[in-house]
Amino acid sequence: MKFRVARVAQLAVALCSCCSFAPLASAAPTVFFGRDDNTALMTSFPNSQAAFNQFTATLSSFGVDNIDSAVGFAPTLAFGATGITASTQGVFAQNAPTFQIGSQALLEADAFGPPLVSTAFNFNTLITSFGLYVIQGGDAANNNPTTFRLRNTVTNAVADVPVQVGPNWGNNNVFFLGVTDTAPFNQVEILESVDGDGMLYDNVVAGGAVPEPSAVALALLGVVGGLLGLRRG
């Protein structure tokens, strides 16, 4: 009995150690993308909506901030019952008729002129899925290859998702981009080739919140403790 109890205890320590420290091998992020040029002043964007629907259908848990309640410069976003929140950088929440889905969108601060700051979303927890609608990028002569950089600020691991934005995309264009990565991240930075393109963002999605390692470890210890109690009984 003592030998078996000791073996179970060793297993518990090993499991906790794996959950706390072992990095998961990661593949390239899974990307969902759809774009519309003629949106009839943002009343119809079927390709983008289809990408949104396909993306969210793959998620077991997610929230959407539609920006309609966001206030001022660099607002904090909230993703419903998930408990996920995000501070923002380089964006301003405002009414932007014909360039928004609801009553507001996030306008890049670059549209107001210098200083030029990259847009970023900094999450309160590690997540595995992120998406958003991007409006009015790459219009006219704006050739704006853009990188959506997923970063884990704890480990500094980075995954880049490149998107060719423009040139000569129509006025009132929109695309939806959704990404899911097996390697969790807590920051998304949008790196543009052409700062000042004046893009707007709406209906931001976040999902797949990852429990803190300590919580996973405690859950495993609880299971092992229950097994030990059953053996003693």
Protein backbone atom coordinates (compact mmCIF):
# COMPACT_ATOMS: atom_id res chain seq x y z
CA MET A 1 0.00 0.00 0.00
CA LYS A 2 2.74 2.47 0.92
CA PHE A 3 4.46 1.79 -2.37
CA ARG A 4 1.25 2.40 -4.33
CA VAL A 5 0.46 5.62 -2.44
CA ALA A 6 3.98 6.87 -3.08
CA ARG A 7 3.68 6.06 -6.77
CA VAL A 8 0.38 8.00 -7.03
CA ALA A 9 1.96 10.96 -5.25
CA GLN A 10 4.91 10.88 -7.65
CA LEU A 11 2.47 10.81 -10.57
CA ALA A 12 0.67 13.86 -9.19
CA VAL A 13 3.91 15.82 -8.92
CA ALA A 14 4.90 14.79 -12.44
CA LEU A 15 1.54 15.84 -13.89
CA CYS A 16 1.65 19.18 -12.11
CA SER A 17 5.17 19.79 -13.32
CA CYS A 18 4.16 19.06 -16.91
CA CYS A 19 1.18 21.39 -16.74
CA SER A 20 3.22 24.19 -15.21
CA PHE A 21 6.39 24.09 -17.24
CA ALA A 22 6.25 21.93 -20.37
CA PRO A 23 5.76 23.99 -23.57
CA LEU A 24 3.38 22.61 -26.15
CA ALA A 25 4.63 22.12 -29.67
CA SER A 26 2.74 24.57 -31.86
CA ALA A 27 1.72 24.52 -35.49
CA ALA A 28 0.99 27.55 -37.63
CA PRO A 29 -2.17 29.41 -36.61
CA THR A 30 -5.42 28.45 -38.33
CA VAL A 31 -6.72 31.46 -40.28
CA PHE A 32 -10.26 32.39 -41.36
CA PHE A 33 -10.60 35.24 -43.87
CA GLY A 34 -13.34 36.83 -45.94
CA ARG A 35 -13.45 40.21 -47.73
CA ASP A 36 -16.07 42.46 -49.33
CA ASP A 37 -15.40 45.53 -51.49
CA ASN A 38 -18.93 46.76 -52.08
CA THR A 39 -20.62 46.82 -48.67
CA ALA A 40 -23.44 49.20 -49.58
CA LEU A 41 -22.22 51.55 -46.84
CA MET A 42 -21.65 48.67 -44.41
CA THR A 43 -25.11 47.17 -44.71
CA SER A 44 -24.09 44.02 -46.61
CA PHE A 45 -20.79 42.14 -46.30
CA PRO A 46 -21.58 38.45 -46.90
CA ASN A 47 -18.04 37.16 -47.38
CA SER A 48 -16.81 38.74 -44.17
CA GLN A 49 -19.83 37.53 -42.23
CA ALA A 50 -19.35 34.01 -43.58
CA ALA A 51 -15.74 34.02 -42.32
CA PHE A 52 -16.94 35.27 -38.91
CA ASN A 53 -19.55 32.49 -38.74
CA GLN A 54 -17.08 29.81 -39.78
CA PHE A 55 -14.52 31.04 -37.26
CA THR A 56 -16.87 31.28 -34.28
CA ALA A 57 -18.42 27.88 -35.12
CA THR A 58 -15.06 26.31 -34.27
CA LEU A 59 -14.92 27.90 -30.79
CA SER A 60 -16.34 26.26 -27.69
CA SER A 61 -16.07 29.46 -25.68
CA PHE A 62 -15.78 33.04 -26.93
CA GLY A 63 -17.06 36.56 -26.47
CA VAL A 64 -17.56 39.53 -28.80
CA ASP A 65 -17.12 43.20 -27.96
CA ASN A 66 -19.13 45.14 -30.54
CA ILE A 67 -17.41 48.42 -29.52
CA ASP A 68 -20.77 50.20 -29.14
CA SER A 69 -20.14 50.79 -25.41
CA ALA A 70 -16.44 51.60 -25.71
CA VAL A 71 -15.43 55.08 -24.58
CA GLY A 72 -12.66 57.38 -25.77
CA PHE A 73 -9.03 56.72 -26.50
CA ALA A 74 -7.56 53.26 -25.82
CA PRO A 75 -10.76 51.82 -24.31
CA THR A 76 -10.86 48.55 -22.37
CA LEU A 77 -12.83 45.82 -24.13
CA ALA A 78 -14.88 43.09 -22.40
CA PHE A 79 -15.85 39.75 -23.86
CA GLY A 80 -19.05 38.80 -22.08
CA ALA A 81 -19.30 35.87 -19.73
CA THR A 82 -15.84 34.59 -20.68
CA GLY A 83 -14.24 37.00 -18.18
CA ILE A 84 -11.73 38.00 -20.86
CA THR A 85 -10.89 41.70 -21.08
CA ALA A 86 -8.37 43.60 -23.17
CA SER A 87 -6.71 46.98 -22.88
CA THR A 88 -6.10 48.64 -26.22
CA GLN A 89 -3.41 50.81 -27.74
CA GLY A 90 -3.53 53.22 -30.65
CA VAL A 91 -7.30 53.28 -31.22
CA PHE A 92 -10.17 55.66 -30.51
CA ALA A 93 -13.80 54.57 -30.04
CA GLN A 94 -16.11 56.81 -32.02
CA ASN A 95 -19.18 57.03 -34.20
CA ALA A 96 -18.06 56.53 -37.80
CA PRO A 97 -21.12 56.37 -40.08
CA THR A 98 -20.76 53.96 -43.03
CA PHE A 99 -17.50 52.66 -41.55
CA GLN A 100 -18.94 50.67 -38.63
CA ILE A 101 -21.17 47.67 -38.00
CA GLY A 102 -23.12 49.01 -35.03
CA SER A 103 -23.06 52.52 -33.60
CA GLN A 104 -19.27 52.77 -33.11
CA ALA A 105 -15.97 51.36 -34.31
CA LEU A 106 -12.34 51.63 -33.20
CA LEU A 107 -10.55 54.15 -35.41
CA GLU A 108 -6.77 54.02 -35.61
CA ALA A 109 -5.19 56.96 -33.83
CA ASP A 110 -2.87 57.20 -36.84
CA ALA A 111 -5.79 58.73 -38.73
CA PHE A 112 -5.37 61.85 -36.59
CA GLY A 113 -1.67 62.15 -37.47
CA PRO A 114 1.59 61.72 -35.49
CA PRO A 115 2.71 60.16 -33.28
CA LEU A 116 2.18 56.90 -35.17
CA VAL A 117 1.42 54.01 -32.81
CA SER A 118 0.67 50.41 -33.73
CA THR A 119 -2.73 49.09 -32.73
CA ALA A 120 -2.53 46.46 -29.99
CA PHE A 121 -4.89 44.40 -27.84
CA ASN A 122 -3.49 43.27 -24.47
CA PHE A 123 -5.54 40.53 -22.81
CA ASN A 124 -5.92 39.82 -19.10
CA THR A 125 -5.35 36.11 -19.66
CA LEU A 126 -3.85 33.76 -22.22
CA ILE A 127 -6.26 33.00 -25.07
CA THR A 128 -6.10 30.80 -28.17
CA SER A 129 -8.48 32.59 -30.57
CA PHE A 130 -8.83 36.17 -31.81
CA GLY A 131 -10.78 37.82 -34.59
CA LEU A 132 -12.07 41.18 -35.78
CA TYR A 133 -13.58 43.06 -38.71
CA VAL A 134 -11.17 45.48 -40.40
CA ILE A 135 -12.81 48.33 -42.31
CA GLN A 136 -11.47 50.69 -44.99
CA GLY A 137 -7.95 49.27 -45.30
CA GLY A 138 -5.98 49.35 -48.52
CA ASP A 139 -8.36 51.71 -50.30
CA ALA A 140 -7.17 53.56 -53.40
CA ALA A 141 -3.36 53.49 -53.67
CA ASN A 142 -2.74 52.25 -50.13
CA ASN A 143 -0.60 49.13 -50.54
CA ASN A 144 -0.53 48.06 -46.90
CA PRO A 145 0.78 44.54 -46.19
CA THR A 146 -0.14 44.02 -42.54
CA THR A 147 1.05 41.55 -39.93
CA PHE A 148 -1.16 40.41 -37.07
CA ARG A 149 1.37 39.40 -34.41
CA LEU A 150 0.24 37.00 -31.69
CA ARG A 151 2.52 37.21 -28.67
CA ASN A 152 2.77 35.43 -25.34
CA THR A 153 4.27 38.19 -23.20
CA VAL A 154 5.32 35.68 -20.53
CA THR A 155 7.47 33.51 -22.81
CA ASN A 156 7.86 36.10 -25.62
CA ALA A 157 6.80 33.44 -28.13
CA VAL A 158 5.48 35.03 -31.33
CA ALA A 159 3.38 33.87 -34.28
CA ASP A 160 2.86 36.19 -37.26
CA VAL A 161 -0.19 36.16 -39.52
CA PRO A 162 0.45 38.24 -42.68
CA VAL A 163 -2.42 39.76 -44.67
CA GLN A 164 -2.08 41.62 -47.95
CA VAL A 165 -4.21 44.72 -47.48
CA GLY A 166 -4.84 46.70 -50.71
CA PRO A 167 -3.98 48.31 -52.98
CA ASN A 168 -7.00 49.60 -54.87
CA TRP A 169 -9.58 48.08 -52.56
CA GLY A 170 -12.91 49.88 -52.85
CA ASN A 171 -14.37 52.44 -50.52
CA ASN A 172 -16.36 50.90 -47.65
CA ASN A 173 -14.40 47.67 -47.95
CA VAL A 174 -14.25 45.27 -45.01
CA PHE A 175 -12.63 41.97 -44.18
CA PHE A 176 -12.92 39.59 -41.26
CA LEU A 177 -9.82 37.88 -39.93
CA GLY A 178 -10.00 35.12 -37.34
CA VAL A 179 -7.01 33.18 -36.01
CA THR A 180 -6.72 30.21 -33.68
CA ASP A 181 -3.38 29.00 -32.33
CA THR A 182 -2.54 25.95 -30.23
CA ALA A 183 0.12 28.09 -28.54
CA PRO A 184 -1.72 30.53 -26.21
CA PHE A 185 -1.11 34.27 -26.51
CA ASN A 186 -2.17 37.36 -24.59
CA GLN A 187 -1.33 40.15 -27.01
CA VAL A 188 -2.25 40.91 -30.61
CA GLU A 189 -0.34 43.70 -32.32
CA ILE A 190 -1.29 45.01 -35.78
CA LEU A 191 1.82 46.03 -37.71
CA GLU A 192 1.09 47.97 -40.89
CA SER A 193 3.42 48.83 -43.74
CA VAL A 194 1.52 52.08 -44.27
CA ASP A 195 0.77 53.84 -41.01
CA GLY A 196 -1.99 56.33 -41.61
CA ASP A 197 -4.10 54.03 -43.81
CA GLY A 198 -6.89 54.94 -41.39
CA MET A 199 -8.30 51.48 -40.76
CA LEU A 200 -11.16 50.85 -38.34
CA TYR A 201 -11.92 47.75 -36.26
CA ASP A 202 -15.24 46.35 -35.11
CA ASN A 203 -16.84 43.30 -33.46
CA VAL A 204 -13.66 42.01 -31.84
CA VAL A 205 -13.68 38.32 -30.84
CA ALA A 206 -11.64 36.60 -28.12
CA GLY A 207 -11.90 33.00 -26.98
CA GLY A 208 -10.25 29.92 -25.60
CA ALA A 209 -9.17 31.41 -22.27
CA VAL A 210 -6.39 29.25 -20.81
CA PRO A 211 -6.46 28.45 -17.04
CA GLU A 212 -3.50 29.53 -14.97
CA PRO A 213 -1.05 26.61 -14.55
CA SER A 214 -1.57 26.69 -10.79
CA ALA A 215 -5.31 26.11 -11.27
CA VAL A 216 -4.65 23.10 -13.49
CA ALA A 217 -2.17 21.73 -11.00
CA LEU A 218 -4.62 22.12 -8.13
CA ALA A 219 -7.31 20.34 -10.13
CA LEU A 220 -4.98 17.40 -10.78
CA LEU A 221 -3.98 17.24 -7.14
CA GLY A 222 -7.65 17.18 -6.20
CA VAL A 223 -8.26 14.21 -8.47
CA VAL A 224 -5.26 12.37 -7.07
CA GLY A 225 -6.33 13.18 -3.53
CA GLY A 226 -9.74 11.69 -4.25
CA LEU A 227 -8.13 8.52 -5.58
CA LEU A 228 -6.01 8.20 -2.45
CA GLY A 229 -9.09 8.66 -0.29
CA LEU A 230 -10.85 5.89 -2.15
CA ARG A 231 -7.84 3.55 -1.66
CA ARG A 232 -7.81 4.22 2.08
CA GLY A 233 -11.53 3.56 2.23
